[in-house]
C-alpha atoms as a PDB file:
ATOM      1  CA  MET A   1      94.720 101.368  43.124  1.00  0.00           C
ATOM      2  CA  ASN A   2      90.988 102.036  43.166  1.00  0.00           C
ATOM      3  CA  ILE A   3      89.593 104.512  40.661  1.00  0.00           C
ATOM      4  CA  TYR A   4      86.320 106.234  41.565  1.00  0.00           C
ATOM      5  CA  GLU A   5      84.058 108.753  39.920  1.00  0.00           C
ATOM      6  CA  CYS A   6      83.967 111.924  42.001  1.00  0.00           C
ATOM      7  CA  SER A   7      80.683 111.924  43.916  1.00  0.00           C
ATOM      8  CA  VAL A   8      80.242 115.629  43.183  1.00  0.00           C
ATOM      9  CA  CYS A   9      81.463 116.256  39.621  1.00  0.00           C
ATOM     10  CA  GLY A  10      81.879 112.723  38.242  1.00  0.00           C
ATOM     11  CA  ALA A  11      85.550 113.097  37.284  1.00  0.00           C
ATOM     12  CA  PRO A  12      87.621 109.871  37.548  1.00  0.00           C
ATOM     13  CA  GLN A  13      90.221 109.934  40.321  1.00  0.00           C
ATOM     14  CA  GLU A  14      91.558 108.012  43.330  1.00  0.00           C
ATOM     15  CA  ALA A  15      89.233 109.350  46.058  1.00  0.00           C
ATOM     16  CA  LYS A  16      85.448 109.498  46.287  1.00  0.00           C
ATOM     17  CA  THR A  17      85.600 113.303  46.016  1.00  0.00           C
ATOM     18  CA  CYS A  18      88.228 114.987  43.848  1.00  0.00           C
ATOM     19  CA  ASP A  19      90.623 117.648  45.131  1.00  0.00           C
ATOM     20  CA  ARG A  20      88.944 120.337  43.047  1.00  0.00           C
ATOM     21  CA  CYS A  21      85.524 119.695  44.586  1.00  0.00           C
ATOM     22  CA  ARG A  22      87.020 119.450  48.085  1.00  0.00           C
ATOM     23  CA  SER A  23      88.617 122.860  47.585  1.00  0.00           C
ATOM     24  CA  ARG A  24      85.364 124.353  46.315  1.00  0.00           C
ATOM     25  CA  ILE A  25      83.400 123.035  49.292  1.00  0.00           C
ATOM     26  CA  ARG A  26      86.050 124.294  51.710  1.00  0.00           C
ATOM     27  CA  GLY A  27      86.002 127.695  50.030  1.00  0.00           C
ATOM     28  CA  ALA A  28      82.200 127.883  50.210  1.00  0.00           C
ATOM     29  CA  LEU A  29      82.236 127.038  53.928  1.00  0.00           C
ATOM     30  CA  ALA A  30      84.856 129.740  54.509  1.00  0.00           C
ATOM     31  CA  GLN A  31      82.545 132.367  52.952  1.00  0.00           C
ATOM     32  CA  LEU A  32      79.525 131.589  55.128  1.00  0.00           C
ATOM     33  CA  PRO A  33      80.414 133.535  58.318  1.00  0.00           C
ATOM     34  CA  GLU A  34      80.987 136.709  56.286  1.00  0.00           C
ATOM     35  CA  GLN A  35      77.808 136.169  54.255  1.00  0.00           C
ATOM     36  CA  TYR A  36      75.804 135.773  57.459  1.00  0.00           C
ATOM     37  CA  VAL A  37      77.088 139.147  58.657  1.00  0.00           C
ATOM     38  CA  TYR A  38      76.054 140.697  55.328  1.00  0.00           C
ATOM     39  CA  LEU A  39      72.586 139.164  55.689  1.00  0.00           C
ATOM     40  CA  CYS A  40      72.175 140.610  59.176  1.00  0.00           C
ATOM     41  CA  MET A  41      73.214 144.027  57.847  1.00  0.00           C
ATOM     42  CA  SER A  42      70.662 143.744  55.024  1.00  0.00           C
ATOM     43  CA  ARG A  43      67.575 143.337  57.227  1.00  0.00           C
ATOM     44  CA  GLN A  44      66.269 146.837  56.684  1.00  0.00           C
ATOM     45  CA  ARG A  45      64.202 147.252  53.532  1.00  0.00           C
ATOM     46  CA  VAL A  46      65.460 149.936  51.152  1.00  0.00           C
ATOM     47  CA  GLN A  47      62.883 152.728  51.230  1.00  0.00           C
ATOM     48  CA  GLY A  48      60.767 152.618  48.088  1.00  0.00           C
ATOM     49  CA  GLY A  49      62.519 149.406  46.977  1.00  0.00           C
ATOM     50  CA  ASP A  50      61.367 145.914  46.176  1.00  0.00           C
ATOM     51  CA  GLU A  51      62.337 142.601  47.749  1.00  0.00           C
ATOM     52  CA  ASP A  52      65.870 142.538  46.361  1.00  0.00           C
ATOM     53  CA  GLY A  53      66.657 146.073  47.506  1.00  0.00           C
ATOM     54  CA  ARG A  54      66.644 147.720  44.073  1.00  0.00           C
ATOM     55  CA  SER A  55      64.986 151.074  43.718  1.00  0.00           C
ATOM     56  CA  SER A  56      61.417 151.293  42.443  1.00  0.00           C
ATOM     57  CA  LYS A  57      59.055 154.079  41.425  1.00  0.00           C
ATOM     58  CA  LYS A  58      56.306 152.606  43.588  1.00  0.00           C
ATOM     59  CA  LEU A  59      55.867 153.716  47.173  1.00  0.00           C
ATOM     60  CA  HIS A  60      55.519 151.052  49.849  1.00  0.00           C
ATOM     61  CA  ALA A  61      54.271 151.211  53.395  1.00  0.00           C
ATOM     62  CA  PRO A  62      57.075 150.747  55.941  1.00  0.00           C
ATOM     63  CA  LEU A  63      57.724 147.094  56.809  1.00  0.00           C
ATOM     64  CA  PRO A  64      59.866 145.675  59.620  1.00  0.00           C
ATOM     65  CA  GLY A  65      62.430 144.389  57.126  1.00  0.00           C
ATOM     66  CA  ARG A  66      63.100 142.732  53.799  1.00  0.00           C
ATOM     67  CA  GLY A  67      61.122 139.528  53.403  1.00  0.00           C
ATOM     68  CA  ASP A  68      63.886 137.600  51.635  1.00  0.00           C
ATOM     69  CA  VAL A  69      66.407 138.470  54.355  1.00  0.00           C
ATOM     70  CA  LEU A  70      64.026 137.715  57.217  1.00  0.00           C
ATOM     71  CA  ASN A  71      63.246 134.343  55.658  1.00  0.00           C
ATOM     72  CA  MET A  72      66.965 133.474  55.487  1.00  0.00           C
ATOM     73  CA  LEU A  73      67.578 134.608  59.067  1.00  0.00           C
ATOM     74  CA  GLY A  74      64.421 133.139  60.580  1.00  0.00           C
ATOM     75  CA  PRO A  75      63.713 129.665  61.975  1.00  0.00           C
ATOM     76  CA  ALA A  76      62.484 126.840  59.761  1.00  0.00           C
ATOM     77  CA  SER A  77      58.870 125.763  59.923  1.00  0.00           C
ATOM     78  CA  ARG A  78      58.267 123.303  62.747  1.00  0.00           C
ATOM     79  CA  GLN A  79      55.296 121.738  60.943  1.00  0.00           C
ATOM     80  CA  ALA A  80      55.676 118.570  58.929  1.00  0.00           C
ATOM     81  CA  VAL A  81      56.486 119.420  55.307  1.00  0.00           C
ATOM     82  CA  THR A  82      54.385 117.781  52.621  1.00  0.00           C
ATOM     83  CA  GLY A  83      54.371 118.084  48.869  1.00  0.00           C
ATOM     84  CA  ALA A  84      51.469 120.551  49.063  1.00  0.00           C
ATOM     85  CA  GLU A  85      52.877 122.536  52.012  1.00  0.00           C
ATOM     86  CA  ASP A  86      56.465 123.178  51.078  1.00  0.00           C
ATOM     87  CA  GLN A  87      58.346 125.949  52.829  1.00  0.00           C
ATOM     88  CA  VAL A  88      58.132 129.293  51.043  1.00  0.00           C
ATOM     89  CA  GLY A  89      61.503 130.633  49.898  1.00  0.00           C
ATOM     90  CA  SER A  90      64.955 129.392  50.824  1.00  0.00           C
ATOM     91  CA  VAL A  91      65.622 127.217  53.863  1.00  0.00           C
ATOM     92  CA  PRO A  92      66.919 129.495  56.661  1.00  0.00           C
ATOM     93  CA  PHE A  93      70.683 129.935  56.817  1.00  0.00           C
ATOM     94  CA  LEU A  94      71.282 128.461  60.281  1.00  0.00           C
ATOM     95  CA  GLU A  95      68.922 125.533  59.673  1.00  0.00           C
ATOM     96  CA  VAL A  96      70.964 124.350  56.698  1.00  0.00           C
ATOM     97  CA  LEU A  97      74.173 124.353  58.717  1.00  0.00           C
ATOM     98  CA  TRP A  98      72.532 122.846  61.804  1.00  0.00           C
ATOM     99  CA  SER A  99      71.051 119.898  59.907  1.00  0.00           C
ATOM    100  CA  TRP A 100      74.449 118.953  58.487  1.00  0.00           C
ATOM    101  CA  CYS A 101      76.184 119.513  61.816  1.00  0.00           C
ATOM    102  CA  GLU A 102      73.681 117.185  63.452  1.00  0.00           C
ATOM    103  CA  ALA A 103      74.419 114.496  60.860  1.00  0.00           C
ATOM    104  CA  VAL A 104      78.180 114.768  61.440  1.00  0.00           C
ATOM    105  CA  THR A 105      77.774 114.923  65.227  1.00  0.00           C
ATOM    106  CA  GLU A 106      75.523 111.867  65.409  1.00  0.00           C
ATOM    107  CA  GLU A 107      77.426 109.683  62.945  1.00  0.00           C
ATOM    108  CA  ARG A 108      80.831 110.486  64.466  1.00  0.00           C
ATOM    109  CA  GLY A 109      79.684 110.445  68.098  1.00  0.00           C
ATOM    110  CA  LEU A 110      80.781 114.029  68.774  1.00  0.00           C
ATOM    111  CA  THR A 111      79.724 116.584  71.360  1.00  0.00           C
ATOM    112  CA  PRO A 112      77.150 118.999  69.844  1.00  0.00           C
ATOM    113  CA  VAL A 113      78.465 122.422  68.869  1.00  0.00           C
ATOM    114  CA  ARG A 114      76.919 125.789  69.620  1.00  0.00           C
ATOM    115  CA  ARG A 115      74.223 126.912  67.191  1.00  0.00           C
ATOM    116  CA  ASP A 116      76.172 129.819  65.684  1.00  0.00           C
ATOM    117  CA  VAL A 117      77.720 130.237  62.259  1.00  0.00           C
ATOM    118  CA  THR A 118      81.355 130.177  63.369  1.00  0.00           C
ATOM    119  CA  SER A 119      81.001 127.021  65.461  1.00  0.00           C
ATOM    120  CA  MET A 120      78.973 125.147  62.853  1.00  0.00           C
ATOM    121  CA  THR A 121      81.154 126.030  59.862  1.00  0.00           C
ATOM    122  CA  GLY A 122      84.196 125.199  61.996  1.00  0.00           C
ATOM    123  CA  ARG A 123      82.866 121.718  62.701  1.00  0.00           C
ATOM    124  CA  LEU A 124      81.953 121.045  59.084  1.00  0.00           C
ATOM    125  CA  THR A 125      85.337 122.277  57.873  1.00  0.00           C
ATOM    126  CA  LYS A 126      87.224 120.226  60.466  1.00  0.00           C
ATOM    127  CA  HIS A 127      85.429 117.041  59.363  1.00  0.00           C
ATOM    128  CA  LEU A 128      85.337 117.844  55.646  1.00  0.00           C
ATOM    129  CA  ASP A 129      87.681 114.991  54.683  1.00  0.00           C
ATOM    130  CA  TRP A 130      85.286 112.543  56.339  1.00  0.00           C
ATOM    131  CA  ILE A 131      82.250 114.244  54.779  1.00  0.00           C
ATOM    132  CA  CYS A 132      83.830 113.890  51.333  1.00  0.00           C
ATOM    133  CA  GLU A 133      83.898 110.098  51.773  1.00  0.00           C
ATOM    134  CA  GLN A 134      80.170 109.844  52.526  1.00  0.00           C
ATOM    135  CA  SER A 135      77.458 108.848  50.065  1.00  0.00           C
ATOM    136  CA  TRP A 136      75.607 112.132  50.707  1.00  0.00           C
ATOM    137  CA  VAL A 137      78.524 114.475  49.935  1.00  0.00           C
ATOM    138  CA  ALA A 138      76.924 115.627  46.651  1.00  0.00           C
ATOM    139  CA  ASP A 139      73.804 116.798  48.513  1.00  0.00           C
ATOM    140  CA  PHE A 140      76.001 118.513  51.103  1.00  0.00           C
ATOM    141  CA  ALA A 141      78.060 120.295  48.441  1.00  0.00           C
ATOM    142  CA  GLU A 142      74.926 121.433  46.590  1.00  0.00           C
ATOM    143  CA  GLU A 143      73.230 122.846  49.699  1.00  0.00           C
ATOM    144  CA  ILE A 144      76.343 124.699  50.875  1.00  0.00           C
ATOM    145  CA  ARG A 145      76.924 126.097  47.392  1.00  0.00           C
ATOM    146  CA  ASP A 146      73.283 127.182  47.093  1.00  0.00           C
ATOM    147  CA  LEU A 147      73.468 128.814  50.515  1.00  0.00           C
ATOM    148  CA  VAL A 148      76.422 130.932  49.405  1.00  0.00           C
ATOM    149  CA  ARG A 149      74.807 131.868  46.097  1.00  0.00           C
ATOM    150  CA  THR A 150      71.453 132.751  47.634  1.00  0.00           C
ATOM    151  CA  SER A 151      73.130 134.904  50.278  1.00  0.00           C
ATOM    152  CA  GLN A 152      75.303 136.660  47.693  1.00  0.00           C
ATOM    153  CA  ARG A 153      72.276 137.402  45.521  1.00  0.00           C
ATOM    154  CA  ILE A 154      70.297 138.852  48.422  1.00  0.00           C
ATOM    155  CA  THR A 155      73.203 140.907  49.793  1.00  0.00           C
ATOM    156  CA  MET A 156      74.367 141.950  46.301  1.00  0.00           C
ATOM    157  CA  THR A 157      77.892 140.638  46.929  1.00  0.00           C
ATOM    158  CA  GLU A 158      78.103 138.301  43.941  1.00  0.00           C
ATOM    159  CA  PRO A 159      81.615 138.573  42.469  1.00  0.00           C
ATOM    160  CA  ARG A 160      81.865 139.828  38.899  1.00  0.00           C
ATOM    161  CA  ARG A 161      83.968 137.588  36.660  1.00  0.00           C
ATOM    162  CA  GLU A 162      86.053 138.629  33.642  1.00  0.00           C
ATOM    163  CA  LEU A 163      87.342 135.951  31.271  1.00  0.00           C
ATOM    164  CA  LEU A 164      91.019 136.508  30.463  1.00  0.00           C
ATOM    165  CA  GLY A 165      90.910 135.375  26.855  1.00  0.00           C
ATOM    166  CA  GLY A 166      94.054 134.449  24.957  1.00  0.00           C
ATOM    167  CA  VAL A 167      96.050 133.400  28.031  1.00  0.00           C
ATOM    168  CA  THR A 168      96.099 129.717  28.979  1.00  0.00           C
ATOM    169  CA  CYS A 169      96.324 128.205  32.443  1.00  0.00           C
ATOM    170  CA  PRO A 170      99.933 127.150  33.220  1.00  0.00           C
ATOM    171  CA  SER A 171      98.598 123.920  34.769  1.00  0.00           C
ATOM    172  CA  CYS A 172      95.760 122.560  32.602  1.00  0.00           C
ATOM    173  CA  GLU A 173      96.653 124.689  29.511  1.00  0.00           C
ATOM    174  CA  GLY A 174      93.019 125.598  29.014  1.00  0.00           C
ATOM    175  CA  LEU A 175      91.496 129.009  28.273  1.00  0.00           C
ATOM    176  CA  THR A 176      90.131 129.013  31.809  1.00  0.00           C
ATOM    177  CA  LEU A 177      91.797 132.002  33.477  1.00  0.00           C
ATOM    178  CA  VAL A 178      89.434 134.553  34.991  1.00  0.00           C
ATOM    179  CA  ARG A 179      89.627 137.630  37.202  1.00  0.00           C
ATOM    180  CA  TYR A 180      87.056 138.260  39.915  1.00  0.00           C
ATOM    181  CA  PHE A 181      85.884 141.677  41.105  1.00  0.00           C
ATOM    182  CA  PRO A 182      86.210 142.063  44.012  1.00  0.00           C
ATOM    183  CA  GLY A 183      89.056 139.581  44.315  1.00  0.00           C
ATOM    184  CA  ASP A 184      92.530 139.058  45.708  1.00  0.00           C
ATOM    185  CA  TRP A 185      94.184 137.706  42.561  1.00  0.00           C
ATOM    186  CA  ALA A 186      94.947 139.037  39.086  1.00  0.00           C
ATOM    187  CA  ALA A 187      94.078 135.658  37.574  1.00  0.00           C
ATOM    188  CA  GLU A 188      92.593 132.340  38.730  1.00  0.00           C
ATOM    189  CA  CYS A 189      91.844 129.133  36.884  1.00  0.00           C
ATOM    190  CA  ARG A 190      88.211 127.998  36.970  1.00  0.00           C
ATOM    191  CA  LEU A 191      89.365 124.354  36.938  1.00  0.00           C
ATOM    192  CA  CYS A 192      92.621 124.329  38.930  1.00  0.00           C
ATOM    193  CA  PRO A 193      92.199 125.533  42.545  1.00  0.00           C
ATOM    194  CA  SER A 194      95.981 125.812  43.006  1.00  0.00           C
ATOM    195  CA  VAL A 195      96.421 128.319  40.144  1.00  0.00           C
ATOM    196  CA  ARG A 196      96.131 131.809  41.619  1.00  0.00           C
ATOM    197  CA  LEU A 197      98.390 134.508  40.189  1.00  0.00           C
ATOM    198  CA  ASP A 198      99.162 137.965  41.527  1.00  0.00           C
ATOM    199  CA  GLU A 199      99.606 140.825  39.061  1.00  0.00           C
ATOM    200  CA  ARG A 200     103.368 140.293  38.708  1.00  0.00           C
ATOM    201  CA  ASP A 201     103.070 136.561  37.991  1.00  0.00           C
ATOM    202  CA  TYR A 202     100.151 137.103  35.622  1.00  0.00           C
ATOM    203  CA  GLN A 203     102.048 139.704  33.569  1.00  0.00           C
ATOM    204  CA  ALA A 204     105.063 137.370  33.457  1.00  0.00           C
ATOM    205  CA  LEU A 205     102.798 134.585  32.148  1.00  0.00           C
ATOM    206  CA  VAL A 206     101.366 136.888  29.469  1.00  0.00           C
ATOM    207  CA  LYS A 207     104.865 137.856  28.279  1.00  0.00           C
ATOM    208  CA  GLU A 208     106.075 134.251  28.293  1.00  0.00           C
ATOM    209  CA  GLN A 209     103.147 133.035  26.201  1.00  0.00           C
ATOM    210  CA  ALA A 210     103.543 135.971  23.833  1.00  0.00           C
ATOM    211  CA  ARG A 211     107.211 135.063  23.280  1.00  0.00           C
ATOM    212  CA  ASN A 212     106.260 131.436  22.642  1.00  0.00           C
ATOM    213  CA  LEU A 213     103.729 132.517  20.017  1.00  0.00           C
ATOM    214  CA  GLU A 214     106.313 134.726  18.324  1.00  0.00           C
ATOM    215  CA  GLY A 215     108.660 131.737  18.165  1.00  0.00           C
ATOM    216  CA  VAL A 216     106.003 129.589  16.523  1.00  0.00           C
ATOM    217  CA  ASN A 217     104.927 132.352  14.106  1.00  0.00           C
ATOM    218  CA  PRO A 218     108.097 134.346  13.244  1.00  0.00           C
END
């Protein structure tokens, strides 16, 4: 049995990319179509606001849209990029996906997909197991993760996280349970992708651990 270090997080395990990192990449890809819709809806600058849409006391002349959003939705520069002429701001949303789709398409000898978010994320998700075996998977994971985070920051859809202190994860037994707002679960483990509890299961876990503590400290 071969033991590798995960190409993304460095944890020792049997595959080149651990299950936890695979799940995180898959989850990030799944968020991209929705984030793209939010970006398109955020084009219009908030009147009297600054680049991130927050209110400001200063008055601004009307502009065609928010610069940060237009940069994410626009095409990448077609000029050669040098150290002194780097692109300003984040690499456009579709360009990030297209560059990785091209790599997968060329290396696997596939028919090119349409240049839209659904088609491109579908291709990357379908071939994720193969991607996770490649030497460049860490770069892929970082760019997809950054794309989600940048989009969430611009569209103000970053989830709020509450640490559920005092209750341990039923899998790894760490103090790693959190609750996200907005979110679909009452509790999730930050380290174990399979641990997702609804309100009923979470309350049952709280009661069980409370009883165990009472047994240890009568």
